[in-house]
Protein backbone atom coordinates (compact mmCIF):
# COMPACT_ATOMS: atom_id res chain seq x y z
CA MET A 1 13.01 -22.44 2.14
CA ILE A 2 10.67 -19.56 2.97
CA ILE A 3 13.44 -17.01 2.23
CA ALA A 4 13.97 -18.57 -1.19
CA ASN A 5 10.23 -18.50 -1.81
CA ILE A 6 10.00 -14.83 -0.81
CA LEU A 7 12.78 -14.03 -3.29
CA ASN A 8 10.93 -16.01 -5.95
CA GLU A 9 7.65 -14.17 -5.30
CA THR A 10 9.48 -10.83 -5.27
CA GLU A 11 11.06 -11.65 -8.62
CA LYS A 12 7.66 -12.59 -10.07
CA LEU A 13 6.15 -9.29 -8.95
CA TRP A 14 9.09 -7.36 -10.37
CA LYS A 15 8.62 -8.98 -13.79
CA HIS A 16 5.15 -7.46 -14.07
CA ASN A 17 5.12 -4.19 -16.00
CA ARG A 18 2.67 -2.67 -13.53
CA THR A 19 5.23 -2.95 -10.71
CA LYS A 20 7.85 -1.11 -12.73
CA GLY A 21 5.17 1.33 -13.87
CA PHE A 22 4.22 2.28 -10.31
CA LEU A 23 7.87 2.76 -9.39
CA LEU A 24 8.26 4.97 -12.44
CA LEU A 25 5.20 6.96 -11.36
CA ALA A 26 6.81 7.46 -7.93
CA ILE A 27 9.57 9.32 -9.75
CA LEU A 28 7.77 10.96 -12.68
CA LEU A 29 4.79 12.41 -10.80
CA PRO A 30 6.97 14.30 -8.30
CA VAL A 31 9.21 15.49 -11.15
CA ILE A 32 6.22 16.78 -13.12
CA SER A 33 4.72 18.37 -10.01
CA ALA A 34 8.03 20.03 -9.11
CA PHE A 35 8.36 21.37 -12.66
CA LEU A 36 4.85 22.86 -12.51
CA LEU A 37 5.53 24.42 -9.11
CA LEU A 38 8.83 25.83 -10.34
CA HIS A 39 7.34 27.07 -13.62
CA ASN A 40 4.48 28.84 -11.85
CA ASN A 41 6.67 29.99 -8.96
CA LEU A 42 4.06 28.84 -6.43
CA GLY A 43 6.51 28.46 -3.59
CA LEU A 44 5.07 25.12 -2.45
CA GLY A 45 8.29 23.12 -2.48
CA SER A 46 8.13 22.35 1.22
CA ASN A 47 4.70 20.75 0.68
CA LEU A 48 5.75 18.53 -2.22
CA PRO A 49 6.50 15.40 -0.13
CA MET A 50 3.14 15.66 1.64
CA LEU A 51 1.22 16.47 -1.54
CA MET A 52 2.61 13.36 -3.22
CA LEU A 53 2.05 11.23 -0.13
CA ARG A 54 -1.60 12.26 -0.02
CA LEU A 55 -2.06 11.39 -3.70
CA PHE A 56 -0.36 8.02 -3.43
CA THR A 57 -1.96 6.89 -0.17
CA PHE A 58 -5.44 7.87 -1.36
CA SER A 59 -5.37 6.19 -4.76
CA LEU A 60 -2.18 4.82 -6.29
CA LEU A 61 -0.86 2.70 -3.43
CA PRO A 62 -4.21 0.97 -2.77
CA LEU A 63 -4.51 0.33 -6.51
CA LEU A 64 -1.01 -1.21 -6.55
CA LEU A 65 -1.97 -3.50 -3.66
CA PHE A 66 -5.25 -4.48 -5.30
CA MET A 67 -3.51 -5.36 -8.56
CA SER A 68 -0.67 -7.22 -6.86
CA ALA A 69 -2.96 -9.23 -4.56
CA SER A 70 -5.40 -10.14 -7.32
CA GLU A 71 -2.60 -11.28 -9.64
CA SER A 72 -0.53 -13.09 -6.99
CA PHE A 73 -3.48 -15.16 -5.82
CA SER A 74 -6.53 -15.13 -8.13
CA GLY A 75 -4.45 -14.62 -11.27
CA GLU A 76 -2.17 -17.54 -10.52
CA VAL A 77 -5.17 -19.77 -9.84
CA ALA A 78 -6.62 -18.87 -13.25
CA SER A 79 -3.31 -19.55 -15.02
CA ASN A 80 -2.65 -22.74 -13.03
CA THR A 81 0.79 -21.44 -12.02
CA LEU A 82 -0.06 -21.54 -8.32
CA LYS A 83 0.03 -25.33 -8.44
CA LEU A 84 3.70 -25.21 -9.42
CA GLY A 85 4.59 -23.40 -6.21
CA LEU A 86 2.69 -25.91 -4.11
CA VAL A 87 4.59 -28.93 -5.43
CA ARG A 88 7.71 -27.69 -3.64
CA PRO A 89 8.50 -28.94 -0.12
CA ILE A 90 6.84 -25.94 1.50
CA THR A 91 3.53 -25.57 3.29
CA ARG A 92 0.65 -23.53 1.92
CA ALA A 93 0.93 -21.19 4.91
CA LYS A 94 4.54 -20.40 3.93
CA VAL A 95 3.56 -19.88 0.30
CA PHE A 96 0.88 -17.45 1.47
CA ALA A 97 3.36 -15.68 3.76
CA SER A 98 5.88 -15.41 0.91
CA LYS A 99 3.37 -13.75 -1.39
CA VAL A 100 2.28 -11.29 1.31
CA ALA A 101 5.92 -10.54 2.16
CA ALA A 102 6.73 -9.80 -1.50
CA ILE A 103 3.82 -7.37 -1.75
CA THR A 104 4.93 -5.73 1.51
CA ILE A 105 8.48 -5.34 0.24
CA PHE A 106 7.38 -3.55 -2.92
CA LEU A 107 5.09 -1.26 -0.94
CA ALA A 108 8.00 -0.27 1.30
CA ILE A 109 10.29 0.25 -1.70
CA LEU A 110 7.74 2.42 -3.50
CA LEU A 111 7.19 4.60 -0.43
CA GLY A 112 10.95 4.91 0.01
CA VAL A 113 11.49 5.91 -3.61
CA LEU A 114 8.66 8.44 -3.41
CA MET A 115 10.02 9.97 -0.20
CA ILE A 116 13.60 10.29 -1.46
CA THR A 117 12.47 11.69 -4.82
CA THR A 118 10.18 14.33 -3.30
CA ILE A 119 12.77 15.39 -0.72
CA ILE A 120 15.41 15.93 -3.41
CA LEU A 121 13.01 17.73 -5.75
CA GLY A 122 11.60 19.83 -2.94
CA TRP A 123 14.92 21.60 -2.58
CA LEU A 124 14.77 22.69 -6.22
CA VAL A 125 11.36 24.34 -5.93
CA PRO A 126 10.86 27.83 -4.47
CA GLY A 127 10.07 27.55 -0.79
CA GLY A 128 11.60 24.11 -0.67
CA ASN A 129 14.02 24.59 2.24
CA PHE A 130 12.38 22.19 4.69
CA ALA A 131 15.40 20.97 6.68
CA SER A 132 13.56 21.71 9.92
CA GLY A 133 10.61 19.59 8.79
CA LEU A 134 12.63 16.64 7.48
CA LEU A 135 11.88 14.54 10.56
CA ASP A 136 8.14 15.13 10.06
CA ILE A 137 8.40 13.98 6.45
CA ILE A 138 10.22 10.77 7.37
CA THR A 139 7.78 10.14 10.21
CA ALA A 140 4.80 10.68 7.90
CA TYR A 141 6.08 8.23 5.29
CA VAL A 142 6.84 5.56 7.89
CA ALA A 143 3.41 6.05 9.50
CA ALA A 144 1.69 5.90 6.09
CA PHE A 145 3.02 2.39 5.55
CA ILE A 146 0.94 0.87 8.37
CA PRO A 147 -2.66 1.61 7.25
CA ILE A 148 -1.82 1.00 3.58
CA MET A 149 -0.38 -2.40 4.42
CA ALA A 150 -3.50 -3.17 6.46
CA ILE A 151 -5.52 -2.43 3.31
CA GLY A 152 -3.15 -4.77 1.50
CA PHE A 153 -4.01 -7.56 3.94
CA VAL A 154 -7.70 -6.92 3.31
CA SER A 155 -7.13 -7.13 -0.45
CA VAL A 156 -5.25 -10.43 -0.02
CA LEU A 157 -8.23 -11.81 1.90
CA ILE A 158 -10.67 -10.69 -0.80
CA ALA A 159 -8.51 -12.33 -3.47
CA GLN A 160 -9.10 -15.74 -1.86
CA PHE A 161 -12.75 -15.65 -2.93
CA PHE A 162 -11.93 -15.38 -6.64
CA ASN A 163 -10.32 -17.60 -9.26
CA LYS A 164 -9.79 -14.79 -11.76
CA SER A 165 -7.77 -11.62 -11.18
CA SER A 166 -10.22 -9.38 -13.06
CA GLY A 167 -13.13 -10.25 -10.78
CA ALA A 168 -11.00 -9.82 -7.67
CA LEU A 169 -9.62 -6.46 -8.82
CA VAL A 170 -13.02 -5.00 -9.71
CA THR A 171 -14.46 -6.15 -6.38
CA MET A 172 -11.58 -4.59 -4.43
CA ILE A 173 -11.97 -1.27 -6.22
CA LEU A 174 -15.74 -1.24 -5.63
CA ILE A 175 -15.30 -2.07 -1.94
CA TYR A 176 -12.67 0.65 -1.57
CA ALA A 177 -14.78 3.27 -3.35
CA THR A 178 -17.84 2.35 -1.28
CA ALA A 179 -15.83 2.44 1.95
CA LYS A 180 -14.50 5.89 1.06
CA LEU A 181 -17.97 7.28 0.29
CA ALA A 182 -19.85 5.60 3.15
CA PRO A 183 -18.60 7.97 5.93
CA PHE A 184 -20.25 10.90 4.15
CA ILE A 185 -23.60 9.19 4.71
CA PHE A 186 -22.83 7.35 7.96
CA PRO A 187 -19.99 9.28 9.69
CA VAL A 188 -19.67 6.75 12.51
CA ILE A 189 -18.35 4.19 10.01
CA SER A 190 -15.12 6.14 9.58
CA VAL A 191 -13.98 5.24 13.09
CA TRP A 192 -14.05 1.51 12.37
CA SER A 193 -13.25 1.39 8.65
CA ILE A 194 -9.60 0.70 7.86
CA PHE A 195 -10.11 2.51 4.54
CA SER A 196 -10.63 5.77 6.44
CA TYR A 197 -7.08 5.73 7.78
CA THR A 198 -5.15 6.34 4.56
CA ASN A 199 -4.22 9.80 5.89
CA TRP A 200 -3.29 8.50 9.36
CA TYR A 201 0.21 9.94 8.90
CA VAL A 202 -1.25 13.44 9.40
CA LEU A 203 -1.74 12.66 13.09
CA TRP A 204 2.00 12.08 13.47
CA ILE A 205 3.30 15.39 12.15
CA GLY A 206 3.40 18.78 13.82
CA ASN A 207 1.57 18.82 17.13
CA GLY A 208 -0.29 15.74 15.92
CA ALA A 209 -2.64 13.74 18.09
CA SER A 210 -2.40 12.44 21.62
CA PHE A 211 -0.55 9.23 22.38
CA ALA A 212 -3.81 7.57 23.41
CA LYS A 213 -5.46 8.35 20.07
CA LEU A 214 -2.45 7.13 18.11
CA ALA A 215 -2.27 3.96 20.20
CA ASN A 216 -5.99 3.22 19.76
CA SER A 217 -5.86 3.66 16.00
CA PHE A 218 -2.68 1.59 15.77
CA ILE A 219 -4.29 -1.26 17.72
CA LEU A 220 -7.29 -1.11 15.37
CA MET A 221 -5.06 -1.40 12.31
CA LEU A 222 -3.01 -4.16 13.90
CA SER A 223 -6.25 -6.03 14.63
CA TYR A 224 -7.28 -5.71 10.98
CA CYS A 225 -3.90 -7.10 9.92
CA ILE A 226 -4.09 -10.07 12.29
CA MET A 227 -7.71 -10.95 11.47
CA THR A 228 -7.45 -10.58 7.70
CA TYR A 229 -4.11 -12.36 7.51
CA SER A 230 -5.38 -15.26 9.63
CA ALA A 231 -8.59 -15.53 7.61
CA GLY A 232 -6.60 -15.34 4.37
CA VAL A 233 -4.31 -18.19 5.43
CA ILE A 234 -7.28 -20.38 6.38
CA LEU A 235 -9.03 -19.79 3.06
CA PHE A 236 -5.79 -20.27 1.09
CA GLU A 237 -5.12 -23.62 2.76
CA LYS A 238 -8.64 -24.82 1.98
CA LYS A 239 -8.67 -23.50 -1.59
CA GLN A 240 -9.27 -26.08 -4.28
CA LEU A 241 -6.84 -25.72 -7.19
């Protein structure tokens, strides 16, 4: 039953224009960037995958998660469609898991599309022969998935406090912006804020960071995922519809 529900939630997300729009951006933005690099002969083809990854992990991917979480939970409460899913012979915990799984699937797909597109386009731009760095690119994109998904779990938790998608979305964006600016005033916050790890993939490429540092940061992100997911399930089960 949970597999069928995941497929149903995935289909619902796909029907939203924003989902298709973000996938289109994952193709168009690299194409436009490659054209500009080629037109200006900047010789930055080998950096195209990383340039796009930085842009998407900093802004577009969190925004996609915020919009998806707010609509999947708060939006469905406002439209009374969430009740329809709960009349099926499936527990609330499984409904919650299905929605989170659908969001996770689209995040993985978008990152995959972005990676493949930038790798192909990178070969067409001057300086784009990066065969020796292909492993670093794949590693970076896989590593980028973890902190972004942790932010997705946080956004799912926030969505449980709202009955309208607009309020949830605005709150998520404000929290994200505040969390990004806070380390400039209080640098110590960056160590513990999950929002400071959007560029965690940088530690995995080249010489990178030590295993101990990578392990510590991974455990921190895993802890965020476990705590926010658990709290989200509890609030979802107690939510009055």
